[in-house]
Amino acid sequence: MLYQKLLLILASFIIGFFVGKARGEKKGIRQGMLLTPLLVRKKSLEEGECLLCNKKVEGLFLSKEEKFL
């Protein structure tokens, strides 16, 4: 009787672990897919060129002197 309860508890923890792991992986993949376009855009703006077509873009940001005019 005691062994059956311990086995049931152990099986419940193992099943819960794997179900939680699978849900966590799906959630992480979804968050990565949502965040990637933002990171690509940020990097493109910081470097001043398109990461997809390697086209240089200048004059996106005002210089420090132009901000105060």
PDB file of N, CA and C in Angstrom:
ATOM      1  N   MET A   1       0.824  -1.196   0.000  1.00  0.00           N
ATOM      2  CA  MET A   1       0.000   0.000   0.000  1.00  0.00           C
ATOM      3  C   MET A   1       0.871   1.264   0.000  1.00  0.00           C
ATOM      4  N   LEU A   2       1.873   1.303   0.871  1.00  0.00           N
ATOM      5  CA  LEU A   2       2.757   2.454   0.958  1.00  0.00           C
ATOM      6  C   LEU A   2       3.577   2.616  -0.322  1.00  0.00           C
ATOM      7  N   TYR A   3       4.024   1.475  -0.876  1.00  0.00           N
ATOM      8  CA  TYR A   3       4.812   1.534  -2.106  1.00  0.00           C
ATOM      9  C   TYR A   3       3.979   2.024  -3.282  1.00  0.00           C
ATOM     10  N   GLN A   4       2.710   1.663  -3.288  1.00  0.00           N
ATOM     11  CA  GLN A   4       1.834   2.120  -4.362  1.00  0.00           C
ATOM     12  C   GLN A   4       1.643   3.633  -4.306  1.00  0.00           C
ATOM     13  N   LYS A   5       1.501   4.171  -3.100  1.00  0.00           N
ATOM     14  CA  LYS A   5       1.346   5.620  -2.946  1.00  0.00           C
ATOM     15  C   LYS A   5       2.624   6.342  -3.354  1.00  0.00           C
ATOM     16  N   LEU A   6       3.764   5.805  -2.917  1.00  0.00           N
ATOM     17  CA  LEU A   6       5.041   6.427  -3.291  1.00  0.00           C
ATOM     18  C   LEU A   6       5.256   6.365  -4.796  1.00  0.00           C
ATOM     19  N   LEU A   7       4.910   5.245  -5.411  1.00  0.00           N
ATOM     20  CA  LEU A   7       5.038   5.097  -6.851  1.00  0.00           C
ATOM     21  C   LEU A   7       4.107   6.060  -7.583  1.00  0.00           C
ATOM     22  N   LEU A   8       2.897   6.225  -7.077  1.00  0.00           N
ATOM     23  CA  LEU A   8       1.946   7.161  -7.672  1.00  0.00           C
ATOM     24  C   LEU A   8       2.434   8.605  -7.558  1.00  0.00           C
ATOM     25  N   ILE A   9       2.980   8.958  -6.400  1.00  0.00           N
ATOM     26  CA  ILE A   9       3.522  10.310  -6.207  1.00  0.00           C
ATOM     27  C   ILE A   9       4.702  10.549  -7.130  1.00  0.00           C
ATOM     28  N   LEU A  10       5.602   9.571  -7.231  1.00  0.00           N
ATOM     29  CA  LEU A  10       6.773   9.704  -8.105  1.00  0.00           C
ATOM     30  C   LEU A  10       6.347   9.830  -9.569  1.00  0.00           C
ATOM     31  N   ALA A  11       5.389   9.003  -9.980  1.00  0.00           N
ATOM     32  CA  ALA A  11       4.903   9.063 -11.361  1.00  0.00           C
ATOM     33  C   ALA A  11       4.247  10.416 -11.638  1.00  0.00           C
ATOM     34  N   SER A  12       3.506  10.939 -10.662  1.00  0.00           N
ATOM     35  CA  SER A  12       2.869  12.245 -10.839  1.00  0.00           C
ATOM     36  C   SER A  12       3.911  13.345 -11.023  1.00  0.00           C
ATOM     37  N   PHE A  13       4.967  13.316 -10.229  1.00  0.00           N
ATOM     38  CA  PHE A  13       6.022  14.318 -10.377  1.00  0.00           C
ATOM     39  C   PHE A  13       6.721  14.203 -11.722  1.00  0.00           C
ATOM     40  N   ILE A  14       6.981  12.988 -12.165  1.00  0.00           N
ATOM     41  CA  ILE A  14       7.664  12.794 -13.452  1.00  0.00           C
ATOM     42  C   ILE A  14       6.787  13.283 -14.600  1.00  0.00           C
ATOM     43  N   ILE A  15       5.513  12.917 -14.581  1.00  0.00           N
ATOM     44  CA  ILE A  15       4.600  13.370 -15.636  1.00  0.00           C
ATOM     45  C   ILE A  15       4.471  14.890 -15.614  1.00  0.00           C
ATOM     46  N   GLY A  16       4.336  15.468 -14.425  1.00  0.00           N
ATOM     47  CA  GLY A  16       4.246  16.928 -14.302  1.00  0.00           C
ATOM     48  C   GLY A  16       5.490  17.626 -14.815  1.00  0.00           C
ATOM     49  N   PHE A  17       6.644  17.036 -14.548  1.00  0.00           N
ATOM     50  CA  PHE A  17       7.899  17.627 -15.014  1.00  0.00           C
ATOM     51  C   PHE A  17       7.937  17.690 -16.539  1.00  0.00           C
ATOM     52  N   PHE A  18       7.625  16.570 -17.188  1.00  0.00           N
ATOM     53  CA  PHE A  18       7.705  16.533 -18.643  1.00  0.00           C
ATOM     54  C   PHE A  18       6.627  17.384 -19.310  1.00  0.00           C
ATOM     55  N   VAL A  19       5.433  17.431 -18.732  1.00  0.00           N
ATOM     56  CA  VAL A  19       4.384  18.295 -19.280  1.00  0.00           C
ATOM     57  C   VAL A  19       4.800  19.767 -19.137  1.00  0.00           C
ATOM     58  N   GLY A  20       5.321  20.132 -17.979  1.00  0.00           N
ATOM     59  CA  GLY A  20       5.780  21.506 -17.763  1.00  0.00           C
ATOM     60  C   GLY A  20       6.934  21.883 -18.663  1.00  0.00           C
ATOM     61  N   LYS A  21       7.839  20.946 -18.878  1.00  0.00           N
ATOM     62  CA  LYS A  21       8.983  21.206 -19.759  1.00  0.00           C
ATOM     63  C   LYS A  21       8.518  21.454 -21.194  1.00  0.00           C
ATOM     64  N   ALA A  22       7.575  20.647 -21.661  1.00  0.00           N
ATOM     65  CA  ALA A  22       7.062  20.812 -23.026  1.00  0.00           C
ATOM     66  C   ALA A  22       6.342  22.149 -23.180  1.00  0.00           C
ATOM     67  N   ARG A  23       5.539  22.515 -22.190  1.00  0.00           N
ATOM     68  CA  ARG A  23       4.832  23.802 -22.256  1.00  0.00           C
ATOM     69  C   ARG A  23       5.823  24.961 -22.214  1.00  0.00           C
ATOM     70  N   GLY A  24       6.863  24.836 -21.403  1.00  0.00           N
ATOM     71  CA  GLY A  24       7.864  25.887 -21.310  1.00  0.00           C
ATOM     72  C   GLY A  24       8.630  26.077 -22.604  1.00  0.00           C
ATOM     73  N   GLU A  25       8.950  24.971 -23.268  1.00  0.00           N
ATOM     74  CA  GLU A  25       9.653  25.067 -24.550  1.00  0.00           C
ATOM     75  C   GLU A  25       8.783  25.759 -25.598  1.00  0.00           C
ATOM     76  N   LYS A  26       7.499  25.396 -25.640  1.00  0.00           N
ATOM     77  CA  LYS A  26       6.596  26.041 -26.602  1.00  0.00           C
ATOM     78  C   LYS A  26       6.489  27.536 -26.326  1.00  0.00           C
ATOM     79  N   LYS A  27       6.390  27.892 -25.052  1.00  0.00           N
ATOM     80  CA  LYS A  27       6.278  29.304 -24.686  1.00  0.00           C
ATOM     81  C   LYS A  27       7.568  30.055 -25.040  1.00  0.00           C
ATOM     82  N   GLY A  28       8.709  29.428 -24.800  1.00  0.00           N
ATOM     83  CA  GLY A  28       9.989  30.063 -25.119  1.00  0.00           C
ATOM     84  C   GLY A  28      10.171  30.273 -26.608  1.00  0.00           C
ATOM     85  N   ILE A  29       9.776  29.292 -27.393  1.00  0.00           N
ATOM     86  CA  ILE A  29       9.878  29.419 -28.849  1.00  0.00           C
ATOM     87  C   ILE A  29       8.974  30.550 -29.341  1.00  0.00           C
ATOM     88  N   ARG A  30       7.771  30.621 -28.784  1.00  0.00           N
ATOM     89  CA  ARG A  30       6.837  31.688 -29.180  1.00  0.00           C
ATOM     90  C   ARG A  30       7.397  33.064 -28.827  1.00  0.00           C
ATOM     91  N   GLN A  31       7.947  33.197 -27.622  1.00  0.00           N
ATOM     92  CA  GLN A  31       8.525  34.486 -27.222  1.00  0.00           C
ATOM     93  C   GLN A  31       9.700  34.852 -28.120  1.00  0.00           C
ATOM     94  N   GLY A  32      10.511  33.878 -28.474  1.00  0.00           N
ATOM     95  CA  GLY A  32      11.640  34.138 -29.371  1.00  0.00           C
ATOM     96  C   GLY A  32      11.193  34.602 -30.740  1.00  0.00           C
ATOM     97  N   MET A  33      10.125  33.994 -31.248  1.00  0.00           N
ATOM     98  CA  MET A  33       9.613  34.389 -32.563  1.00  0.00           C
ATOM     99  C   MET A  33       9.039  35.797 -32.530  1.00  0.00           C
ATOM    100  N   LEU A  34       8.455  36.189 -31.407  1.00  0.00           N
ATOM    101  CA  LEU A  34       7.903  37.538 -31.296  1.00  0.00           C
ATOM    102  C   LEU A  34       9.001  38.584 -31.096  1.00  0.00           C
ATOM    103  N   LEU A  35      10.071  38.219 -30.433  1.00  0.00           N
ATOM    104  CA  LEU A  35      11.120  39.168 -30.089  1.00  0.00           C
ATOM    105  C   LEU A  35      12.147  39.358 -31.207  1.00  0.00           C
ATOM    106  N   THR A  36      12.358  38.352 -32.034  1.00  0.00           N
ATOM    107  CA  THR A  36      13.390  38.408 -33.067  1.00  0.00           C
ATOM    108  C   THR A  36      13.243  39.584 -34.034  1.00  0.00           C
ATOM    109  N   PRO A  37      12.062  39.873 -34.581  1.00  0.00           N
ATOM    110  CA  PRO A  37      11.961  41.024 -35.495  1.00  0.00           C
ATOM    111  C   PRO A  37      12.340  42.351 -34.826  1.00  0.00           C
ATOM    112  N   LEU A  38      12.013  42.485 -33.554  1.00  0.00           N
ATOM    113  CA  LEU A  38      12.374  43.714 -32.846  1.00  0.00           C
ATOM    114  C   LEU A  38      13.885  43.833 -32.689  1.00  0.00           C
ATOM    115  N   LEU A  39      14.540  42.727 -32.382  1.00  0.00           N
ATOM    116  CA  LEU A  39      15.996  42.760 -32.221  1.00  0.00           C
ATOM    117  C   LEU A  39      16.701  43.033 -33.547  1.00  0.00           C
ATOM    118  N   VAL A  40      16.182  42.472 -34.633  1.00  0.00           N
ATOM    119  CA  VAL A  40      16.765  42.724 -35.955  1.00  0.00           C
ATOM    120  C   VAL A  40      16.624  44.197 -36.320  1.00  0.00           C
ATOM    121  N   ARG A  41      15.453  44.750 -36.062  1.00  0.00           N
ATOM    122  CA  ARG A  41      15.229  46.178 -36.356  1.00  0.00           C
ATOM    123  C   ARG A  41      16.138  47.062 -35.500  1.00  0.00           C
ATOM    124  N   LYS A  42      16.276  46.735 -34.228  1.00  0.00           N
ATOM    125  CA  LYS A  42      17.137  47.511 -33.338  1.00  0.00           C
ATOM    126  C   LYS A  42      18.584  47.491 -33.825  1.00  0.00           C
ATOM    127  N   LYS A  43      19.064  46.304 -34.180  1.00  0.00           N
ATOM    128  CA  LYS A  43      20.446  46.186 -34.645  1.00  0.00           C
ATOM    129  C   LYS A  43      20.649  46.943 -35.953  1.00  0.00           C
ATOM    130  N   SER A  44      19.650  46.871 -36.845  1.00  0.00           N
ATOM    131  CA  SER A  44      19.741  47.598 -38.112  1.00  0.00           C
ATOM    132  C   SER A  44      19.839  49.101 -37.867  1.00  0.00           C
ATOM    133  N   LEU A  45      19.024  49.607 -36.964  1.00  0.00           N
ATOM    134  CA  LEU A  45      19.042  51.036 -36.683  1.00  0.00           C
ATOM    135  C   LEU A  45      20.344  51.458 -36.015  1.00  0.00           C
ATOM    136  N   GLU A  46      20.869  50.619 -35.122  1.00  0.00           N
ATOM    137  CA  GLU A  46      22.125  50.956 -34.451  1.00  0.00           C
ATOM    138  C   GLU A  46      23.304  50.980 -35.413  1.00  0.00           C
ATOM    139  N   GLU A  47      23.320  50.045 -36.358  1.00  0.00           N
ATOM    140  CA  GLU A  47      24.447  49.954 -37.290  1.00  0.00           C
ATOM    141  C   GLU A  47      24.277  50.836 -38.520  1.00  0.00           C
ATOM    142  N   GLY A  48      23.064  51.304 -38.778  1.00  0.00           N
ATOM    143  CA  GLY A  48      22.843  52.188 -39.921  1.00  0.00           C
ATOM    144  C   GLY A  48      22.778  51.472 -41.246  1.00  0.00           C
ATOM    145  N   GLU A  49      22.552  50.161 -41.231  1.00  0.00           N
ATOM    146  CA  GLU A  49      22.392  49.436 -42.476  1.00  0.00           C
ATOM    147  C   GLU A  49      21.390  48.303 -42.281  1.00  0.00           C
ATOM    148  N   CYS A  50      20.735  47.949 -43.366  1.00  0.00           N
ATOM    149  CA  CYS A  50      19.744  46.888 -43.330  1.00  0.00           C
ATOM    150  C   CYS A  50      20.460  45.552 -43.228  1.00  0.00           C
ATOM    151  N   LEU A  51      20.068  44.735 -42.274  1.00  0.00           N
ATOM    152  CA  LEU A  51      20.692  43.431 -42.113  1.00  0.00           C
ATOM    153  C   LEU A  51      20.229  42.434 -43.165  1.00  0.00           C
ATOM    154  N   LEU A  52      19.131  42.730 -43.833  1.00  0.00           N
ATOM    155  CA  LEU A  52      18.611  41.816 -44.851  1.00  0.00           C
ATOM    156  C   LEU A  52      19.223  42.065 -46.222  1.00  0.00           C
ATOM    157  N   CYS A  53      19.339  43.344 -46.593  1.00  0.00           N
ATOM    158  CA  CYS A  53      19.846  43.649 -47.940  1.00  0.00           C
ATOM    159  C   CYS A  53      21.198  44.357 -47.918  1.00  0.00           C
ATOM    160  N   ASN A  54      21.753  44.645 -46.747  1.00  0.00           N
ATOM    161  CA  ASN A  54      23.054  45.316 -46.568  1.00  0.00           C
ATOM    162  C   ASN A  54      23.111  46.704 -47.191  1.00  0.00           C
ATOM    163  N   LYS A  55      21.980  47.366 -47.300  1.00  0.00           N
ATOM    164  CA  LYS A  55      21.921  48.715 -47.847  1.00  0.00           C
ATOM    165  C   LYS A  55      22.197  49.715 -46.722  1.00  0.00           C
ATOM    166  N   LYS A  56      23.129  50.620 -46.959  1.00  0.00           N
ATOM    167  CA  LYS A  56      23.476  51.637 -45.972  1.00  0.00           C
ATOM    168  C   LYS A  56      22.412  52.723 -45.941  1.00  0.00           C
ATOM    169  N   VAL A  57      22.069  53.130 -44.744  1.00  0.00           N
ATOM    170  CA  VAL A  57      21.097  54.194 -44.562  1.00  0.00           C
ATOM    171  C   VAL A  57      21.746  55.246 -43.682  1.00  0.00           C
ATOM    172  N   GLU A  58      21.779  56.471 -44.170  1.00  0.00           N
ATOM    173  CA  GLU A  58      22.393  57.539 -43.387  1.00  0.00           C
ATOM    174  C   GLU A  58      21.358  58.616 -43.111  1.00  0.00           C
ATOM    175  N   GLY A  59      21.569  59.354 -42.063  1.00  0.00           N
ATOM    176  CA  GLY A  59      20.686  60.446 -41.719  1.00  0.00           C
ATOM    177  C   GLY A  59      19.432  60.014 -40.977  1.00  0.00           C
ATOM    178  N   LEU A  60      19.469  58.841 -40.379  1.00  0.00           N
ATOM    179  CA  LEU A  60      18.306  58.398 -39.614  1.00  0.00           C
ATOM    180  C   LEU A  60      18.147  59.188 -38.328  1.00  0.00           C
ATOM    181  N   PHE A  61      19.257  59.497 -37.714  1.00  0.00           N
ATOM    182  CA  PHE A  61      19.233  60.168 -36.425  1.00  0.00           C
ATOM    183  C   PHE A  61      19.846  61.553 -36.540  1.00  0.00           C
ATOM    184  N   LEU A  62      19.364  62.458 -35.727  1.00  0.00           N
ATOM    185  CA  LEU A  62      19.947  63.795 -35.687  1.00  0.00           C
ATOM    186  C   LEU A  62      21.246  63.751 -34.907  1.00  0.00           C
ATOM    187  N   SER A  63      22.184  64.555 -35.325  1.00  0.00           N
ATOM    188  CA  SER A  63      23.417  64.658 -34.562  1.00  0.00           C
ATOM    189  C   SER A  63      23.143  65.443 -33.283  1.00  0.00           C
ATOM    190  N   LYS A  64      24.102  65.459 -32.391  1.00  0.00           N
ATOM    191  CA  LYS A  64      23.911  66.159 -31.117  1.00  0.00           C
ATOM    192  C   LYS A  64      23.674  67.650 -31.326  1.00  0.00           C
ATOM    193  N   GLU A  65      24.319  68.234 -32.336  1.00  0.00           N
ATOM    194  CA  GLU A  65      24.150  69.653 -32.594  1.00  0.00           C
ATOM    195  C   GLU A  65      22.765  69.947 -33.155  1.00  0.00           C
ATOM    196  N   GLU A  66      22.260  69.071 -34.018  1.00  0.00           N
ATOM    197  CA  GLU A  66      20.953  69.276 -34.641  1.00  0.00           C
ATOM    198  C   GLU A  66      19.797  69.111 -33.640  1.00  0.00           C
ATOM    199  N   LYS A  67      19.996  68.342 -32.608  1.00  0.00           N
ATOM    200  CA  LYS A  67      18.936  68.139 -31.631  1.00  0.00           C
ATOM    201  C   LYS A  67      18.604  69.421 -30.889  1.00  0.00           C
ATOM    202  N   PHE A  68      19.584  70.293 -30.712  1.00  0.00           N
ATOM    203  CA  PHE A  68      19.387  71.498 -29.925  1.00  0.00           C
ATOM    204  C   PHE A  68      18.918  72.687 -30.759  1.00  0.00           C
ATOM    205  N   LEU A  69      18.811  72.537 -32.065  1.00  0.00           N
ATOM    206  CA  LEU A  69      18.366  73.632 -32.934  1.00  0.00           C
ATOM    207  C   LEU A  69      16.881  73.755 -32.968  1.00  0.00           C
TER     208      LEU A  69
END
